[in-house]
Amino acid sequence: MTENRTLIIDEVDFTTMYVTHDAFTRDLRRMAKACESVEPIPPAVLTGWATFARQLHVHHTAEDEALWPPLRAKVSRPEEVVVLDEMEIEHGQIEPLLERIDTSLRAHDTVTLLNAVQALEAALTAHMRHEEDDALPLVAKHLGPGGWKAFGGYFRKTLGLRGGAEFFPWLLDEVPEPTRTHVLRRFPPPVRLLYRGVWAPRYDRTPRW
């Protein structure tokens, strides 16, 4: 994560969202590198890809169900409504790219696979920058800390302990310790203990990428 990225907007701490976006970028770069240099794709890369795809699905589903709807109920200006419309459209454009990659993996079609990964990298990167630049300021403006906290509560509830066992080590993979500590402080002490004592060591024992 670059040092000069804005993580707090109008008292709403979006650090976890930014770190999540960085995690998606990290894994897409790993996938692109594997597609360019390794054939056939080894099991560790397939495992890493499956984790990435699962986390992306969870992330976008949570936004579609518990972030954009309450925000849409608050916005009134036409240009703000357009931003939310674009968020939904961009989510819809990403799903076919994931399916294309999965199809290419099953067919062992490395040429199509690389093209699809590069297309997903471009589309998801553009979407995340759009979300950070235009959608998150609307969240801060209209939902505020309380609304953002409610979204976080929904995400944690749907994730559960089993989901958290993968989410937290995946999220914090290669994250500098100060940022890791900052993110973990946003969650209850039992989560921090489970992460450091159980989840991260278990996650690290499974080869990925």
Protein backbone atom coordinates (compact mmCIF):
# COMPACT_ATOMS: atom_id res chain seq x y z
CA MET A 1 0.00 0.00 0.00
CA THR A 2 1.47 3.37 -0.98
CA GLU A 3 2.18 5.76 1.86
CA ASN A 4 0.19 8.71 0.53
CA ARG A 5 -3.17 7.04 -0.07
CA THR A 6 -6.02 8.65 1.87
CA LEU A 7 -7.50 6.09 4.25
CA ILE A 8 -9.77 8.30 6.35
CA ILE A 9 -12.48 10.45 4.77
CA ASP A 10 -14.61 12.71 6.98
CA GLU A 11 -13.89 10.62 10.08
CA VAL A 12 -14.71 7.32 8.34
CA ASP A 13 -11.77 4.90 8.47
CA PHE A 14 -11.64 3.08 5.13
CA THR A 15 -8.27 1.42 5.77
CA THR A 16 -9.66 -2.12 5.60
CA MET A 17 -11.31 -1.36 2.26
CA TYR A 18 -8.07 0.02 0.83
CA VAL A 19 -6.10 -2.98 2.12
CA THR A 20 -8.70 -5.28 0.55
CA HIS A 21 -8.23 -3.53 -2.78
CA ASP A 22 -4.48 -3.89 -2.42
CA ALA A 23 -4.91 -7.61 -1.77
CA PHE A 24 -6.87 -8.02 -5.00
CA THR A 25 -4.14 -6.12 -6.89
CA ARG A 26 -1.44 -8.27 -5.28
CA ASP A 27 -3.09 -11.53 -6.30
CA LEU A 28 -3.87 -10.42 -9.84
CA ARG A 29 -0.21 -9.54 -10.32
CA ARG A 30 0.73 -12.97 -9.03
CA MET A 31 -1.72 -14.63 -11.39
CA ALA A 32 -0.52 -12.63 -14.38
CA LYS A 33 3.10 -13.49 -13.59
CA ALA A 34 2.26 -17.18 -13.31
CA CYS A 35 0.42 -17.14 -16.64
CA GLU A 36 3.38 -15.50 -18.36
CA SER A 37 6.07 -17.79 -16.97
CA VAL A 38 4.59 -21.17 -15.96
CA GLU A 39 2.93 -23.86 -18.05
CA PRO A 40 0.94 -25.78 -17.07
CA ILE A 41 -0.43 -23.77 -14.14
CA PRO A 42 0.75 -25.51 -10.93
CA PRO A 43 -1.60 -26.51 -8.09
CA ALA A 44 -0.32 -23.76 -5.76
CA VAL A 45 -1.32 -21.10 -8.28
CA LEU A 46 -4.74 -22.72 -8.71
CA THR A 47 -5.19 -22.62 -4.94
CA GLY A 48 -4.21 -18.97 -4.81
CA TRP A 49 -6.57 -18.15 -7.65
CA ALA A 50 -9.46 -19.96 -5.96
CA THR A 51 -8.87 -17.94 -2.79
CA PHE A 52 -8.78 -14.69 -4.76
CA ALA A 53 -11.98 -15.48 -6.67
CA ARG A 54 -13.78 -16.47 -3.48
CA GLN A 55 -12.78 -13.28 -1.69
CA LEU A 56 -13.76 -11.11 -4.64
CA HIS A 57 -17.19 -12.74 -4.76
CA VAL A 58 -17.70 -12.23 -1.02
CA HIS A 59 -16.54 -8.62 -1.25
CA HIS A 60 -18.75 -7.61 -4.16
CA THR A 61 -21.77 -9.49 -2.81
CA ALA A 62 -21.49 -7.64 0.51
CA GLU A 63 -21.31 -4.29 -1.28
CA ASP A 64 -24.27 -5.13 -3.52
CA GLU A 65 -26.39 -6.28 -0.59
CA ALA A 66 -25.42 -4.00 2.29
CA LEU A 67 -23.51 -0.93 1.08
CA TRP A 68 -24.93 0.37 -2.19
CA PRO A 69 -28.64 -0.04 -1.27
CA PRO A 70 -28.53 2.08 1.93
CA LEU A 71 -26.32 4.59 0.15
CA ARG A 72 -28.73 4.78 -2.79
CA ALA A 73 -31.52 5.54 -0.32
CA LYS A 74 -29.57 8.59 0.88
CA VAL A 75 -28.21 10.16 -2.30
CA SER A 76 -30.24 12.74 -4.17
CA ARG A 77 -28.03 14.49 -6.69
CA PRO A 78 -28.13 12.98 -10.22
CA GLU A 79 -24.33 12.73 -10.43
CA GLU A 80 -24.29 10.72 -7.19
CA VAL A 81 -26.91 8.32 -8.50
CA VAL A 82 -24.76 7.86 -11.61
CA VAL A 83 -21.81 6.78 -9.48
CA LEU A 84 -23.90 4.05 -7.83
CA ASP A 85 -25.24 2.93 -11.19
CA GLU A 86 -21.66 2.65 -12.42
CA MET A 87 -20.65 0.59 -9.37
CA GLU A 88 -23.34 -1.97 -10.19
CA ILE A 89 -22.48 -2.01 -13.90
CA GLU A 90 -18.79 -2.53 -13.18
CA HIS A 91 -19.52 -5.42 -10.83
CA GLY A 92 -21.56 -7.02 -13.59
CA GLN A 93 -18.72 -6.60 -16.08
CA ILE A 94 -16.22 -8.32 -13.81
CA GLU A 95 -18.19 -11.56 -13.32
CA PRO A 96 -17.91 -12.72 -16.99
CA LEU A 97 -14.15 -12.21 -16.84
CA LEU A 98 -13.91 -14.49 -13.81
CA GLU A 99 -15.94 -17.12 -15.66
CA ARG A 100 -13.70 -16.77 -18.71
CA ILE A 101 -10.62 -17.38 -16.58
CA ASP A 102 -12.15 -20.44 -14.94
CA THR A 103 -13.10 -21.82 -18.35
CA SER A 104 -9.56 -21.26 -19.65
CA LEU A 105 -8.08 -23.00 -16.61
CA ARG A 106 -10.28 -26.05 -17.12
CA ALA A 107 -9.36 -26.15 -20.82
CA HIS A 108 -5.64 -25.59 -20.12
CA ASP A 109 -5.80 -22.74 -22.65
CA THR A 110 -2.93 -20.58 -21.44
CA VAL A 111 -3.19 -18.03 -24.26
CA THR A 112 -6.83 -17.21 -23.55
CA LEU A 113 -6.09 -17.41 -19.84
CA LEU A 114 -3.40 -14.72 -19.96
CA ASN A 115 -5.62 -12.43 -22.05
CA ALA A 116 -8.51 -12.91 -19.62
CA VAL A 117 -6.33 -12.27 -16.57
CA GLN A 118 -4.99 -9.08 -18.13
CA ALA A 119 -8.52 -7.96 -18.97
CA LEU A 120 -9.65 -8.65 -15.40
CA GLU A 121 -6.64 -6.81 -13.99
CA ALA A 122 -7.48 -3.73 -16.08
CA ALA A 123 -11.21 -3.82 -15.30
CA LEU A 124 -10.87 -4.48 -11.57
CA THR A 125 -8.12 -1.90 -11.14
CA ALA A 126 -10.24 0.75 -12.85
CA HIS A 127 -13.26 -0.21 -10.76
CA MET A 128 -11.38 -0.03 -7.47
CA ARG A 129 -9.92 3.39 -8.31
CA HIS A 130 -13.39 4.59 -9.31
CA GLU A 131 -14.81 3.30 -6.05
CA GLU A 132 -12.09 4.95 -3.97
CA ASP A 133 -12.27 8.27 -5.81
CA ASP A 134 -16.03 8.65 -6.18
CA ALA A 135 -18.05 6.08 -4.20
CA LEU A 136 -16.28 6.03 -0.84
CA PRO A 137 -16.57 9.82 -0.43
CA LEU A 138 -20.33 9.37 -0.91
CA VAL A 139 -20.32 6.69 1.80
CA ALA A 140 -18.53 9.10 4.13
CA LYS A 141 -20.87 11.96 3.25
CA HIS A 142 -24.22 10.19 3.42
CA LEU A 143 -23.71 7.14 5.69
CA GLY A 144 -20.92 8.38 7.94
CA PRO A 145 -19.12 6.34 10.59
CA GLY A 146 -22.37 4.73 11.74
CA GLY A 147 -23.34 3.53 8.30
CA TRP A 148 -19.85 2.25 7.58
CA LYS A 149 -19.85 0.42 10.91
CA ALA A 150 -23.18 -1.17 10.01
CA PHE A 151 -21.73 -2.40 6.72
CA GLY A 152 -18.75 -3.84 8.57
CA GLY A 153 -21.09 -5.63 10.96
CA TYR A 154 -23.00 -7.14 8.05
CA PHE A 155 -19.76 -8.27 6.43
CA ARG A 156 -18.50 -9.92 9.62
CA LYS A 157 -21.83 -11.63 10.23
CA THR A 158 -22.00 -13.11 6.74
CA LEU A 159 -18.32 -14.05 6.87
CA GLY A 160 -18.52 -15.94 10.17
CA LEU A 161 -15.58 -17.61 11.90
CA ARG A 162 -15.02 -20.09 9.09
CA GLY A 163 -14.87 -17.32 6.52
CA GLY A 164 -12.71 -15.21 8.79
CA ALA A 165 -10.16 -18.02 9.01
CA GLU A 166 -9.38 -17.44 5.33
CA PHE A 167 -10.26 -13.77 4.95
CA PHE A 168 -7.88 -12.29 7.52
CA PRO A 169 -4.70 -14.17 6.53
CA TRP A 170 -5.51 -13.53 2.86
CA LEU A 171 -6.17 -9.84 3.50
CA LEU A 172 -3.00 -9.30 5.53
CA ASP A 173 -0.62 -11.35 3.39
CA GLU A 174 2.53 -9.23 2.86
CA VAL A 175 0.94 -6.22 4.58
CA PRO A 176 3.45 -4.17 6.63
CA GLU A 177 3.13 -4.71 10.36
CA PRO A 178 1.92 -1.17 11.22
CA THR A 179 -0.94 -1.47 8.74
CA ARG A 180 -1.67 -5.02 9.87
CA THR A 181 -1.91 -3.84 13.47
CA HIS A 182 -4.16 -0.94 12.47
CA VAL A 183 -6.54 -3.24 10.61
CA LEU A 184 -6.68 -5.82 13.38
CA ARG A 185 -7.50 -3.14 15.94
CA ARG A 186 -10.74 -2.57 14.07
CA PHE A 187 -11.90 -6.05 15.15
CA PRO A 188 -12.64 -7.66 18.54
CA PRO A 189 -9.74 -9.14 20.56
CA PRO A 190 -10.82 -12.78 19.93
CA VAL A 191 -10.42 -12.17 16.19
CA ARG A 192 -6.90 -10.83 16.70
CA LEU A 193 -5.97 -13.82 18.85
CA LEU A 194 -7.39 -16.30 16.36
CA TYR A 195 -5.61 -14.58 13.50
CA ARG A 196 -2.18 -14.63 15.09
CA GLY A 197 -2.44 -17.96 16.88
CA VAL A 198 -4.49 -20.13 14.52
CA TRP A 199 -5.63 -18.64 11.23
CA ALA A 200 -2.38 -17.16 9.90
CA PRO A 201 -0.21 -20.20 10.72
CA ARG A 202 -2.77 -22.55 9.17
CA TYR A 203 -3.12 -20.35 6.08
CA ASP A 204 0.64 -20.25 5.64
CA ARG A 205 0.87 -24.05 5.65
CA THR A 206 -1.16 -24.24 2.40
CA PRO A 207 1.00 -23.48 -0.67
CA ARG A 208 -0.40 -20.57 -2.68
CA TRP A 209 1.08 -18.89 -5.72
